[in-house]
PDB file of N, CA and C in Angstrom:
ATOM      1  N   MET A   1     -28.922  40.198  -2.191  1.00  0.00           N
ATOM      2  CA  MET A   1     -27.816  39.718  -1.375  1.00  0.00           C
ATOM      3  C   MET A   1     -27.908  38.211  -1.189  1.00  0.00           C
ATOM      4  N   ARG A   2     -29.112  37.720  -0.965  1.00  0.00           N
ATOM      5  CA  ARG A   2     -29.298  36.281  -0.765  1.00  0.00           C
ATOM      6  C   ARG A   2     -28.940  35.494  -2.023  1.00  0.00           C
ATOM      7  N   ALA A   3     -29.239  36.042  -3.177  1.00  0.00           N
ATOM      8  CA  ALA A   3     -28.906  35.363  -4.435  1.00  0.00           C
ATOM      9  C   ALA A   3     -27.391  35.228  -4.582  1.00  0.00           C
ATOM     10  N   ARG A   4     -26.663  36.262  -4.171  1.00  0.00           N
ATOM     11  CA  ARG A   4     -25.204  36.199  -4.254  1.00  0.00           C
ATOM     12  C   ARG A   4     -24.674  35.090  -3.345  1.00  0.00           C
ATOM     13  N   TRP A   5     -25.198  34.972  -2.130  1.00  0.00           N
ATOM     14  CA  TRP A   5     -24.758  33.925  -1.206  1.00  0.00           C
ATOM     15  C   TRP A   5     -25.055  32.541  -1.775  1.00  0.00           C
ATOM     16  N   ASN A   6     -26.173  32.405  -2.479  1.00  0.00           N
ATOM     17  CA  ASN A   6     -26.521  31.121  -3.089  1.00  0.00           C
ATOM     18  C   ASN A   6     -25.462  30.675  -4.086  1.00  0.00           C
ATOM     19  N   LEU A   7     -24.753  31.602  -4.690  1.00  0.00           N
ATOM     20  CA  LEU A   7     -23.682  31.258  -5.617  1.00  0.00           C
ATOM     21  C   LEU A   7     -22.332  31.134  -4.922  1.00  0.00           C
ATOM     22  N   VAL A   8     -22.069  32.016  -3.980  1.00  0.00           N
ATOM     23  CA  VAL A   8     -20.769  32.050  -3.313  1.00  0.00           C
ATOM     24  C   VAL A   8     -20.631  30.926  -2.291  1.00  0.00           C
ATOM     25  N   GLY A   9     -21.694  30.625  -1.567  1.00  0.00           N
ATOM     26  CA  GLY A   9     -21.641  29.598  -0.524  1.00  0.00           C
ATOM     27  C   GLY A   9     -21.149  28.257  -1.022  1.00  0.00           C
ATOM     28  N   PRO A  10     -21.772  27.702  -2.066  1.00  0.00           N
ATOM     29  CA  PRO A  10     -21.299  26.412  -2.576  1.00  0.00           C
ATOM     30  C   PRO A  10     -19.872  26.471  -3.120  1.00  0.00           C
ATOM     31  N   LEU A  11     -19.508  27.595  -3.744  1.00  0.00           N
ATOM     32  CA  LEU A  11     -18.156  27.732  -4.268  1.00  0.00           C
ATOM     33  C   LEU A  11     -17.131  27.696  -3.140  1.00  0.00           C
ATOM     34  N   VAL A  12     -17.409  28.398  -2.067  1.00  0.00           N
ATOM     35  CA  VAL A  12     -16.507  28.396  -0.917  1.00  0.00           C
ATOM     36  C   VAL A  12     -16.396  26.990  -0.332  1.00  0.00           C
ATOM     37  N   LEU A  13     -17.510  26.307  -0.217  1.00  0.00           N
ATOM     38  CA  LEU A  13     -17.505  24.947   0.316  1.00  0.00           C
ATOM     39  C   LEU A  13     -16.651  24.026  -0.543  1.00  0.00           C
ATOM     40  N   VAL A  14     -16.789  24.117  -1.851  1.00  0.00           N
ATOM     41  CA  VAL A  14     -15.995  23.283  -2.760  1.00  0.00           C
ATOM     42  C   VAL A  14     -14.512  23.606  -2.618  1.00  0.00           C
ATOM     43  N   LEU A  15     -14.174  24.889  -2.554  1.00  0.00           N
ATOM     44  CA  LEU A  15     -12.766  25.270  -2.403  1.00  0.00           C
ATOM     45  C   LEU A  15     -12.181  24.768  -1.085  1.00  0.00           C
ATOM     46  N   VAL A  16     -12.951  24.854  -0.018  1.00  0.00           N
ATOM     47  CA  VAL A  16     -12.488  24.350   1.283  1.00  0.00           C
ATOM     48  C   VAL A  16     -12.282  22.843   1.217  1.00  0.00           C
ATOM     49  N   MET A  17     -13.207  22.135   0.590  1.00  0.00           N
ATOM     50  CA  MET A  17     -13.076  20.669   0.487  1.00  0.00           C
ATOM     51  C   MET A  17     -11.826  20.293  -0.305  1.00  0.00           C
ATOM     52  N   PHE A  18     -11.579  20.972  -1.434  1.00  0.00           N
ATOM     53  CA  PHE A  18     -10.385  20.670  -2.211  1.00  0.00           C
ATOM     54  C   PHE A  18      -9.123  21.036  -1.443  1.00  0.00           C
ATOM     55  N   GLY A  19      -9.164  22.119  -0.692  1.00  0.00           N
ATOM     56  CA  GLY A  19      -8.020  22.499   0.127  1.00  0.00           C
ATOM     57  C   GLY A  19      -7.701  21.462   1.179  1.00  0.00           C
ATOM     58  N   LEU A  20      -8.729  20.948   1.839  1.00  0.00           N
ATOM     59  CA  LEU A  20      -8.517  19.913   2.850  1.00  0.00           C
ATOM     60  C   LEU A  20      -7.978  18.641   2.220  1.00  0.00           C
ATOM     61  N   LEU A  21      -8.505  18.281   1.062  1.00  0.00           N
ATOM     62  CA  LEU A  21      -8.020  17.092   0.370  1.00  0.00           C
ATOM     63  C   LEU A  21      -6.559  17.267  -0.022  1.00  0.00           C
ATOM     64  N   ALA A  22      -6.205  18.430  -0.532  1.00  0.00           N
ATOM     65  CA  ALA A  22      -4.821  18.686  -0.924  1.00  0.00           C
ATOM     66  C   ALA A  22      -3.886  18.591   0.266  1.00  0.00           C
ATOM     67  N   CYS A  23      -4.305  19.107   1.401  1.00  0.00           N
ATOM     68  CA  CYS A  23      -3.472  19.030   2.609  1.00  0.00           C
ATOM     69  C   CYS A  23      -3.318  17.597   3.079  1.00  0.00           C
ATOM     70  N   ALA A  24      -4.366  16.829   2.969  1.00  0.00           N
ATOM     71  CA  ALA A  24      -4.335  15.447   3.429  1.00  0.00           C
ATOM     72  C   ALA A  24      -3.488  14.576   2.520  1.00  0.00           C
ATOM     73  N   VAL A  25      -3.429  14.913   1.247  1.00  0.00           N
ATOM     74  CA  VAL A  25      -2.758  14.059   0.283  1.00  0.00           C
ATOM     75  C   VAL A  25      -1.297  14.441   0.092  1.00  0.00           C
ATOM     76  N   THR A  26      -1.011  15.716   0.037  1.00  0.00           N
ATOM     77  CA  THR A  26       0.332  16.156  -0.294  1.00  0.00           C
ATOM     78  C   THR A  26       0.978  16.853   0.899  1.00  0.00           C
ATOM     79  N   GLU A  27       1.299  16.101   1.880  1.00  0.00           N
ATOM     80  CA  GLU A  27       1.938  16.651   3.067  1.00  0.00           C
ATOM     81  C   GLU A  27       3.427  16.808   2.775  1.00  0.00           C
ATOM     82  N   SER A  28       4.012  17.855   3.292  1.00  0.00           N
ATOM     83  CA  SER A  28       5.437  18.064   3.087  1.00  0.00           C
ATOM     84  C   SER A  28       6.204  17.620   4.325  1.00  0.00           C
ATOM     85  N   PRO A  29       7.479  17.298   4.145  1.00  0.00           N
ATOM     86  CA  PRO A  29       8.263  16.820   5.293  1.00  0.00           C
ATOM     87  C   PRO A  29       8.419  17.920   6.336  1.00  0.00           C
ATOM     88  N   PRO A  30       8.624  17.523   7.571  1.00  0.00           N
ATOM     89  CA  PRO A  30       8.791  18.513   8.641  1.00  0.00           C
ATOM     90  C   PRO A  30       9.970  19.446   8.357  1.00  0.00           C
ATOM     91  N   SER A  31       9.746  20.720   8.498  1.00  0.00           N
ATOM     92  CA  SER A  31      10.774  21.714   8.174  1.00  0.00           C
ATOM     93  C   SER A  31      11.987  21.611   9.096  1.00  0.00           C
ATOM     94  N   ASP A  32      11.783  21.122  10.315  1.00  0.00           N
ATOM     95  CA  ASP A  32      12.938  21.003  11.219  1.00  0.00           C
ATOM     96  C   ASP A  32      13.928  19.947  10.713  1.00  0.00           C
ATOM     97  N   LEU A  33      13.423  18.892  10.069  1.00  0.00           N
ATOM     98  CA  LEU A  33      14.321  17.870   9.510  1.00  0.00           C
ATOM     99  C   LEU A  33      15.102  18.438   8.331  1.00  0.00           C
ATOM    100  N   ILE A  34      14.441  19.258   7.556  1.00  0.00           N
ATOM    101  CA  ILE A  34      15.116  19.891   6.415  1.00  0.00           C
ATOM    102  C   ILE A  34      16.171  20.863   6.934  1.00  0.00           C
ATOM    103  N   ALA A  35      15.816  21.655   7.915  1.00  0.00           N
ATOM    104  CA  ALA A  35      16.742  22.649   8.470  1.00  0.00           C
ATOM    105  C   ALA A  35      17.972  21.984   9.083  1.00  0.00           C
ATOM    106  N   LYS A  36      17.772  20.833   9.725  1.00  0.00           N
ATOM    107  CA  LYS A  36      18.891  20.126  10.359  1.00  0.00           C
ATOM    108  C   LYS A  36      19.676  19.280   9.354  1.00  0.00           C
ATOM    109  N   ASP A  37      19.171  19.212   8.093  1.00  0.00           N
ATOM    110  CA  ASP A  37      19.820  18.404   7.058  1.00  0.00           C
ATOM    111  C   ASP A  37      19.897  16.944   7.509  1.00  0.00           C
ATOM    112  N   ASP A  38      18.824  16.480   8.155  1.00  0.00           N
ATOM    113  CA  ASP A  38      18.764  15.137   8.728  1.00  0.00           C
ATOM    114  C   ASP A  38      18.231  14.152   7.683  1.00  0.00           C
ATOM    115  N   HIS A  39      19.132  13.620   6.876  1.00  0.00           N
ATOM    116  CA  HIS A  39      18.736  12.742   5.775  1.00  0.00           C
ATOM    117  C   HIS A  39      18.237  11.385   6.253  1.00  0.00           C
ATOM    118  N   VAL A  40      18.711  10.933   7.388  1.00  0.00           N
ATOM    119  CA  VAL A  40      18.219   9.664   7.945  1.00  0.00           C
ATOM    120  C   VAL A  40      16.738   9.804   8.283  1.00  0.00           C
ATOM    121  N   ALA A  41      16.406  10.865   8.993  1.00  0.00           N
ATOM    122  CA  ALA A  41      15.004  11.083   9.376  1.00  0.00           C
ATOM    123  C   ALA A  41      14.139  11.398   8.162  1.00  0.00           C
ATOM    124  N   LEU A  42      14.679  12.140   7.192  1.00  0.00           N
ATOM    125  CA  LEU A  42      13.911  12.450   5.985  1.00  0.00           C
ATOM    126  C   LEU A  42      13.634  11.189   5.171  1.00  0.00           C
ATOM    127  N   ALA A  43      14.616  10.308   5.079  1.00  0.00           N
ATOM    128  CA  ALA A  43      14.407   9.052   4.367  1.00  0.00           C
ATOM    129  C   ALA A  43      13.317   8.235   5.050  1.00  0.00           C
ATOM    130  N   ALA A  44      13.353   8.186   6.364  1.00  0.00           N
ATOM    131  CA  ALA A  44      12.325   7.457   7.118  1.00  0.00           C
ATOM    132  C   ALA A  44      10.957   8.112   6.944  1.00  0.00           C
ATOM    133  N   TRP A  45      10.917   9.446   6.949  1.00  0.00           N
ATOM    134  CA  TRP A  45       9.643  10.152   6.788  1.00  0.00           C
ATOM    135  C   TRP A  45       9.039   9.863   5.422  1.00  0.00           C
ATOM    136  N   TYR A  46       9.862   9.930   4.377  1.00  0.00           N
ATOM    137  CA  TYR A  46       9.351   9.662   3.028  1.00  0.00           C
ATOM    138  C   TYR A  46       8.928   8.201   2.870  1.00  0.00           C
ATOM    139  N   ALA A  47       9.653   7.276   3.480  1.00  0.00           N
ATOM    140  CA  ALA A  47       9.270   5.861   3.410  1.00  0.00           C
ATOM    141  C   ALA A  47       7.919   5.637   4.092  1.00  0.00           C
ATOM    142  N   LYS A  48       7.725   6.290   5.234  1.00  0.00           N
ATOM    143  CA  LYS A  48       6.454   6.173   5.951  1.00  0.00           C
ATOM    144  C   LYS A  48       5.321   6.794   5.127  1.00  0.00           C
ATOM    145  N   GLU A  49       5.596   7.933   4.506  1.00  0.00           N
ATOM    146  CA  GLU A  49       4.607   8.599   3.648  1.00  0.00           C
ATOM    147  C   GLU A  49       4.230   7.687   2.473  1.00  0.00           C
ATOM    148  N   ALA A  50       5.218   7.042   1.868  1.00  0.00           N
ATOM    149  CA  ALA A  50       4.955   6.137   0.748  1.00  0.00           C
ATOM    150  C   ALA A  50       4.069   4.977   1.188  1.00  0.00           C
ATOM    151  N   ALA A  51       4.344   4.434   2.362  1.00  0.00           N
ATOM    152  CA  ALA A  51       3.522   3.328   2.871  1.00  0.00           C
ATOM    153  C   ALA A  51       2.080   3.788   3.105  1.00  0.00           C
ATOM    154  N   GLY A  52       1.900   4.970   3.667  1.00  0.00           N
ATOM    155  CA  GLY A  52       0.556   5.493   3.897  1.00  0.00           C
ATOM    156  C   GLY A  52      -0.196   5.724   2.588  1.00  0.00           C
ATOM    157  N   LEU A  53       0.498   6.235   1.591  1.00  0.00           N
ATOM    158  CA  LEU A  53      -0.137   6.468   0.295  1.00  0.00           C
ATOM    159  C   LEU A  53      -0.500   5.160  -0.390  1.00  0.00           C
ATOM    160  N   ARG A  54       0.357   4.153  -0.242  1.00  0.00           N
ATOM    161  CA  ARG A  54       0.023   2.831  -0.814  1.00  0.00           C
ATOM    162  C   ARG A  54      -1.212   2.248  -0.128  1.00  0.00           C
ATOM    163  N   TRP A  55      -1.329   2.474   1.179  1.00  0.00           N
ATOM    164  CA  TRP A  55      -2.503   1.997   1.902  1.00  0.00           C
ATOM    165  C   TRP A  55      -3.766   2.696   1.400  1.00  0.00           C
ATOM    166  N   LYS A  56      -3.671   4.011   1.157  1.00  0.00           N
ATOM    167  CA  LYS A  56      -4.820   4.748   0.632  1.00  0.00           C
ATOM    168  C   LYS A  56      -5.205   4.224  -0.749  1.00  0.00           C
ATOM    169  N   ALA A  57      -4.216   3.908  -1.569  1.00  0.00           N
ATOM    170  CA  ALA A  57      -4.505   3.344  -2.896  1.00  0.00           C
ATOM    171  C   ALA A  57      -5.208   1.995  -2.758  1.00  0.00           C
ATOM    172  N   GLU A  58      -4.770   1.202  -1.789  1.00  0.00           N
ATOM    173  CA  GLU A  58      -5.409  -0.104  -1.565  1.00  0.00           C
ATOM    174  C   GLU A  58      -6.855   0.076  -1.093  1.00  0.00           C
ATOM    175  N   GLU A  59      -7.091   1.047  -0.223  1.00  0.00           N
ATOM    176  CA  GLU A  59      -8.467   1.323   0.213  1.00  0.00           C
ATOM    177  C   GLU A  59      -9.351   1.690  -0.979  1.00  0.00           C
ATOM    178  N   MET A  60      -8.804   2.477  -1.893  1.00  0.00           N
ATOM    179  CA  MET A  60      -9.562   2.869  -3.086  1.00  0.00           C
ATOM    180  C   MET A  60      -9.814   1.660  -3.989  1.00  0.00           C
ATOM    181  N   ARG A  61      -8.846   0.742  -4.067  1.00  0.00           N
ATOM    182  CA  ARG A  61      -9.056  -0.489  -4.851  1.00  0.00           C
ATOM    183  C   ARG A  61     -10.201  -1.306  -4.273  1.00  0.00           C
ATOM    184  N   GLN A  62     -10.211  -1.413  -2.941  1.00  0.00           N
ATOM    185  CA  GLN A  62     -11.290  -2.165  -2.289  1.00  0.00           C
ATOM    186  C   GLN A  62     -12.639  -1.488  -2.526  1.00  0.00           C
ATOM    187  N   MET A  63     -12.663  -0.160  -2.475  1.00  0.00           N
ATOM    188  CA  MET A  63     -13.906   0.569  -2.713  1.00  0.00           C
ATOM    189  C   MET A  63     -14.351   0.384  -4.170  1.00  0.00           C
ATOM    190  N   ARG A  64     -13.394   0.474  -5.089  1.00  0.00           N
ATOM    191  CA  ARG A  64     -13.708   0.262  -6.511  1.00  0.00           C
ATOM    192  C   ARG A  64     -14.299  -1.121  -6.727  1.00  0.00           C
ATOM    193  N   ASP A  65     -13.699  -2.124  -6.100  1.00  0.00           N
ATOM    194  CA  ASP A  65     -14.203  -3.495  -6.243  1.00  0.00           C
ATOM    195  C   ASP A  65     -15.601  -3.645  -5.661  1.00  0.00           C
ATOM    196  N   MET A  66     -15.865  -2.947  -4.555  1.00  0.00           N
ATOM    197  CA  MET A  66     -17.194  -2.991  -3.961  1.00  0.00           C
ATOM    198  C   MET A  66     -18.218  -2.376  -4.918  1.00  0.00           C
ATOM    199  N   TYR A  67     -17.860  -1.239  -5.517  1.00  0.00           N
ATOM    200  CA  TYR A  67     -18.777  -0.586  -6.456  1.00  0.00           C
ATOM    201  C   TYR A  67     -19.030  -1.456  -7.687  1.00  0.00           C
ATOM    202  N   ALA A  68     -18.035  -2.244  -8.069  1.00  0.00           N
ATOM    203  CA  ALA A  68     -18.164  -3.058  -9.277  1.00  0.00           C
ATOM    204  C   ALA A  68     -19.032  -4.293  -9.070  1.00  0.00           C
ATOM    205  N   LYS A  69     -19.287  -4.678  -7.828  1.00  0.00           N
ATOM    206  CA  LYS A  69     -20.101  -5.869  -7.565  1.00  0.00           C
ATOM    207  C   LYS A  69     -21.526  -5.673  -8.085  1.00  0.00           C
ATOM    208  N   PRO A  70     -22.083  -6.719  -8.654  1.00  0.00           N
ATOM    209  CA  PRO A  70     -23.470  -6.618  -9.156  1.00  0.00           C
ATOM    210  C   PRO A  70     -24.472  -6.270  -8.060  1.00  0.00           C
ATOM    211  N   SER A  71     -24.191  -6.642  -6.831  1.00  0.00           N
ATOM    212  CA  SER A  71     -25.128  -6.393  -5.736  1.00  0.00           C
ATOM    213  C   SER A  71     -25.128  -4.933  -5.273  1.00  0.00           C
ATOM    214  N   TYR A  72     -24.100  -4.147  -5.652  1.00  0.00           N
ATOM    215  CA  TYR A  72     -24.035  -2.757  -5.203  1.00  0.00           C
ATOM    216  C   TYR A  72     -25.001  -1.916  -6.029  1.00  0.00           C
ATOM    217  N   GLN A  73     -25.852  -1.199  -5.345  1.00  0.00           N
ATOM    218  CA  GLN A  73     -26.808  -0.304  -6.004  1.00  0.00           C
ATOM    219  C   GLN A  73     -26.483   1.137  -5.603  1.00  0.00           C
ATOM    220  N   PRO A  74     -25.993   1.951  -6.544  1.00  0.00           N
ATOM    221  CA  PRO A  74     -25.652   3.338  -6.205  1.00  0.00           C
ATOM    222  C   PRO A  74     -26.899   4.180  -5.995  1.00  0.00           C
ATOM    223  N   ALA A  75     -26.693   5.354  -5.403  1.00  0.00           N
ATOM    224  CA  ALA A  75     -27.780   6.319  -5.221  1.00  0.00           C
ATOM    225  C   ALA A  75     -28.283   6.748  -6.600  1.00  0.00           C
ATOM    226  N   PRO A  76     -29.505   7.229  -6.684  1.00  0.00           N
ATOM    227  CA  PRO A  76     -30.067   7.603  -7.990  1.00  0.00           C
ATOM    228  C   PRO A  76     -29.245   8.643  -8.762  1.00  0.00           C
ATOM    229  N   LYS A  77     -28.536   9.519  -8.068  1.00  0.00           N
ATOM    230  CA  LYS A  77     -27.747  10.551  -8.748  1.00  0.00           C
ATOM    231  C   LYS A  77     -26.368  10.053  -9.188  1.00  0.00           C
ATOM    232  N   GLU A  78     -26.026   8.817  -8.856  1.00  0.00           N
ATOM    233  CA  GLU A  78     -24.703   8.275  -9.165  1.00  0.00           C
ATOM    234  C   GLU A  78     -24.834   7.138 -10.165  1.00  0.00           C
ATOM    235  N   SER A  79     -23.732   6.838 -10.814  1.00  0.00           N
ATOM    236  CA  SER A  79     -23.698   5.638 -11.648  1.00  0.00           C
ATOM    237  C   SER A  79     -22.487   4.813 -11.223  1.00  0.00           C
ATOM    238  N   LYS A  80     -22.562   3.519 -11.427  1.00  0.00           N
ATOM    239  CA  LYS A  80     -21.439   2.652 -11.067  1.00  0.00           C
ATOM    240  C   LYS A  80     -20.181   3.077 -11.807  1.00  0.00           C
ATOM    241  N   ALA A  81     -20.344   3.390 -13.085  1.00  0.00           N
ATOM    242  CA  ALA A  81     -19.186   3.761 -13.893  1.00  0.00           C
ATOM    243  C   ALA A  81     -18.507   5.015 -13.344  1.00  0.00           C
ATOM    244  N   GLU A  82     -19.283   6.000 -12.913  1.00  0.00           N
ATOM    245  CA  GLU A  82     -18.708   7.227 -12.344  1.00  0.00           C
ATOM    246  C   GLU A  82     -17.980   6.934 -11.042  1.00  0.00           C
ATOM    247  N   LEU A  83     -18.580   6.117 -10.200  1.00  0.00           N
ATOM    248  CA  LEU A  83     -17.945   5.788  -8.926  1.00  0.00           C
ATOM    249  C   LEU A  83     -16.644   5.016  -9.137  1.00  0.00           C
ATOM    250  N   ILE A  84     -16.680   4.070 -10.041  1.00  0.00           N
ATOM    251  CA  ILE A  84     -15.481   3.266 -10.336  1.00  0.00           C
ATOM    252  C   ILE A  84     -14.393   4.156 -10.927  1.00  0.00           C
ATOM    253  N   ALA A  85     -14.758   5.041 -11.854  1.00  0.00           N
ATOM    254  CA  ALA A  85     -13.783   5.952 -12.457  1.00  0.00           C
ATOM    255  C   ALA A  85     -13.187   6.888 -11.404  1.00  0.00           C
ATOM    256  N   HIS A  86     -14.015   7.355 -10.496  1.00  0.00           N
ATOM    257  CA  HIS A  86     -13.549   8.231  -9.416  1.00  0.00           C
ATOM    258  C   HIS A  86     -12.507   7.501  -8.561  1.00  0.00           C
ATOM    259  N   CYS A  87     -12.814   6.271  -8.187  1.00  0.00           N
ATOM    260  CA  CYS A  87     -11.864   5.486  -7.391  1.00  0.00           C
ATOM    261  C   CYS A  87     -10.574   5.251  -8.172  1.00  0.00           C
ATOM    262  N   GLN A  88     -10.694   4.963  -9.468  1.00  0.00           N
ATOM    263  CA  GLN A  88      -9.517   4.697 -10.289  1.00  0.00           C
ATOM    264  C   GLN A  88      -8.601   5.920 -10.345  1.00  0.00           C
ATOM    265  N   LEU A  89      -9.182   7.103 -10.434  1.00  0.00           N
ATOM    266  CA  LEU A  89      -8.368   8.323 -10.436  1.00  0.00           C
ATOM    267  C   LEU A  89      -7.587   8.463  -9.130  1.00  0.00           C
ATOM    268  N   PHE A  90      -8.249   8.177  -8.007  1.00  0.00           N
ATOM    269  CA  PHE A  90      -7.558   8.250  -6.723  1.00  0.00           C
ATOM    270  C   PHE A  90      -6.483   7.165  -6.613  1.00  0.00           C
ATOM    271  N   ILE A  91      -6.758   5.980  -7.118  1.00  0.00           N
ATOM    272  CA  ILE A  91      -5.753   4.907  -7.100  1.00  0.00           C
ATOM    273  C   ILE A  91      -4.502   5.373  -7.837  1.00  0.00           C
ATOM    274  N   GLU A  92      -4.692   5.940  -9.015  1.00  0.00           N
ATOM    275  CA  GLU A  92      -3.551   6.413  -9.807  1.00  0.00           C
ATOM    276  C   GLU A  92      -2.819   7.545  -9.096  1.00  0.00           C
ATOM    277  N   HIS A  93      -3.573   8.468  -8.519  1.00  0.00           N
ATOM    278  CA  HIS A  93      -2.952   9.597  -7.808  1.00  0.00           C
ATOM    279  C   HIS A  93      -2.133   9.107  -6.619  1.00  0.00           C
ATOM    280  N   TYR A  94      -2.727   8.274  -5.782  1.00  0.00           N
ATOM    281  CA  TYR A  94      -2.023   7.778  -4.604  1.00  0.00           C
ATOM    282  C   TYR A  94      -0.816   6.930  -4.990  1.00  0.00           C
ATOM    283  N   THR A  95      -0.949   6.129  -6.041  1.00  0.00           N
ATOM    284  CA  THR A  95       0.158   5.279  -6.477  1.00  0.00           C
ATOM    285  C   THR A  95       1.329   6.126  -6.965  1.00  0.00           C
ATOM    286  N   LYS A  96       1.033   7.137  -7.784  1.00  0.00           N
ATOM    287  CA  LYS A  96       2.103   8.021  -8.273  1.00  0.00           C
ATOM    288  C   LYS A  96       2.754   8.780  -7.126  1.00  0.00           C
ATOM    289  N   ALA A  97       1.958   9.248  -6.187  1.00  0.00           N
ATOM    290  CA  ALA A  97       2.508   9.969  -5.038  1.00  0.00           C
ATOM    291  C   ALA A  97       3.379   9.047  -4.186  1.00  0.00           C
ATOM    292  N   ALA A  98       2.962   7.790  -4.025  1.00  0.00           N
ATOM    293  CA  ALA A  98       3.764   6.827  -3.257  1.00  0.00           C
ATOM    294  C   ALA A  98       5.086   6.548  -3.951  1.00  0.00           C
ATOM    295  N   GLU A  99       5.048   6.423  -5.274  1.00  0.00           N
ATOM    296  CA  GLU A  99       6.281   6.191  -6.029  1.00  0.00           C
ATOM    297  C   GLU A  99       7.232   7.378  -5.879  1.00  0.00           C
ATOM    298  N   GLU A 100       6.696   8.587  -5.927  1.00  0.00           N
ATOM    299  CA  GLU A 100       7.516   9.776  -5.765  1.00  0.00           C
ATOM    300  C   GLU A 100       8.106   9.844  -4.349  1.00  0.00           C
ATOM    301  N   ALA A 101       7.317   9.520  -3.352  1.00  0.00           N
ATOM    302  CA  ALA A 101       7.818   9.520  -1.975  1.00  0.00           C
ATOM    303  C   ALA A 101       8.920   8.476  -1.812  1.00  0.00           C
ATOM    304  N   GLU A 102       8.757   7.329  -2.437  1.00  0.00           N
ATOM    305  CA  GLU A 102       9.797   6.298  -2.350  1.00  0.00           C
ATOM    306  C   GLU A 102      11.073   6.753  -3.061  1.00  0.00           C
ATOM    307  N   ARG A 103      10.931   7.442  -4.191  1.00  0.00           N
ATOM    308  CA  ARG A 103      12.114   7.987  -4.867  1.00  0.00           C
ATOM    309  C   ARG A 103      12.829   9.005  -3.979  1.00  0.00           C
ATOM    310  N   MET A 104      12.048   9.814  -3.260  1.00  0.00           N
ATOM    311  CA  MET A 104      12.652  10.788  -2.352  1.00  0.00           C
ATOM    312  C   MET A 104      13.368  10.086  -1.203  1.00  0.00           C
ATOM    313  N   ALA A 105      12.776   9.021  -0.677  1.00  0.00           N
ATOM    314  CA  ALA A 105      13.431   8.253   0.391  1.00  0.00           C
ATOM    315  C   ALA A 105      14.746   7.670  -0.124  1.00  0.00           C
ATOM    316  N   GLN A 106      14.726   7.124  -1.338  1.00  0.00           N
ATOM    317  CA  GLN A 106      15.949   6.562  -1.924  1.00  0.00           C
ATOM    318  C   GLN A 106      17.008   7.637  -2.143  1.00  0.00           C
ATOM    319  N   ALA A 107      16.579   8.821  -2.566  1.00  0.00           N
ATOM    320  CA  ALA A 107      17.532   9.913  -2.775  1.00  0.00           C
ATOM    321  C   ALA A 107      18.197  10.306  -1.451  1.00  0.00           C
ATOM    322  N   HIS A 108      17.425  10.355  -0.388  1.00  0.00           N
ATOM    323  CA  HIS A 108      18.008  10.699   0.915  1.00  0.00           C
ATOM    324  C   HIS A 108      18.921   9.578   1.415  1.00  0.00           C
ATOM    325  N   ARG A 109      18.569   8.339   1.135  1.00  0.00           N
ATOM    326  CA  ARG A 109      19.464   7.228   1.504  1.00  0.00           C
ATOM    327  C   ARG A 109      20.774   7.319   0.729  1.00  0.00           C
ATOM    328  N   ALA A 110      20.699   7.717  -0.541  1.00  0.00           N
ATOM    329  CA  ALA A 110      21.914   7.865  -1.346  1.00  0.00           C
ATOM    330  C   ALA A 110      22.800   8.967  -0.774  1.00  0.00           C
ATOM    331  N   ILE A 111      22.198  10.051  -0.324  1.00  0.00           N
ATOM    332  CA  ILE A 111      22.974  11.131   0.288  1.00  0.00           C
ATOM    333  C   ILE A 111      23.645  10.637   1.563  1.00  0.00           C
ATOM    334  N   ILE A 112      22.930   9.828   2.331  1.00  0.00           N
ATOM    335  CA  ILE A 112      23.513   9.255   3.558  1.00  0.00           C
ATOM    336  C   ILE A 112      24.727   8.417   3.195  1.00  0.00           C
ATOM    337  N   GLY A 113      24.596   7.594   2.154  1.00  0.00           N
ATOM    338  CA  GLY A 113      25.706   6.754   1.705  1.00  0.00           C
ATOM    339  C   GLY A 113      26.895   7.574   1.242  1.00  0.00           C
ATOM    340  N   GLN A 114      26.630   8.644   0.519  1.00  0.00           N
ATOM    341  CA  GLN A 114      27.713   9.510   0.048  1.00  0.00           C
ATOM    342  C   GLN A 114      28.428  10.176   1.215  1.00  0.00           C
ATOM    343  N   LYS A 115      27.660  10.617   2.200  1.00  0.00           N
ATOM    344  CA  LYS A 115      28.270  11.275   3.368  1.00  0.00           C
ATOM    345  C   LYS A 115      29.125  10.299   4.163  1.00  0.00           C
ATOM    346  N   SER A 116      28.635   9.052   4.312  1.00  0.00           N
ATOM    347  CA  SER A 116      29.402   8.069   5.076  1.00  0.00           C
ATOM    348  C   SER A 116      30.692   7.687   4.352  1.00  0.00           C
ATOM    349  N   GLU A 117      30.674   7.671   3.033  1.00  0.00           N
ATOM    350  CA  GLU A 117      31.902   7.374   2.272  1.00  0.00           C
ATOM    351  C   GLU A 117      32.902   8.508   2.406  1.00  0.00           C
ATOM    352  N   ARG A 118      32.409   9.745   2.412  1.00  0.00           N
ATOM    353  CA  ARG A 118      33.288  10.898   2.555  1.00  0.00           C
ATOM    354  C   ARG A 118      33.941  10.937   3.934  1.00  0.00           C
ATOM    355  N   ASP A 119      33.197  10.473   4.938  1.00  0.00           N
ATOM    356  CA  ASP A 119      33.677  10.523   6.306  1.00  0.00           C
ATOM    357  C   ASP A 119      34.726   9.440   6.603  1.00  0.00           C
ATOM    358  N   ARG A 120      34.896   8.506   5.731  1.00  0.00           N
ATOM    359  CA  ARG A 120      35.857   7.407   5.986  1.00  0.00           C
ATOM    360  C   ARG A 120      37.264   7.849   5.828  1.00  0.00           C
TER     361      ARG A 120
END
């Protein structure tokens, strides 16, 4: 039984960590805004999300630059190249997510514009 836990325990921990990361990175807009068809608030929500994702990408750039400095000495189990590559993957992920959030904000702004033209 103990041998089984030795295999299952780490797997569960990894799955929980990835789940938490996924929740932190890919948040969906509030369902009440969607239900109310509130495009003004949705556009603002997506714009705020894009700004937060750009900030996360910038944090990863700063971390990547820190790892790249000659004075940085990684732990024995790590290499500079692995750490830099890891940061680069997050930079790309956050940047793409920010671009998508900005496209969603623009789409909601376009809907607002269409509705205001119809109402005239």
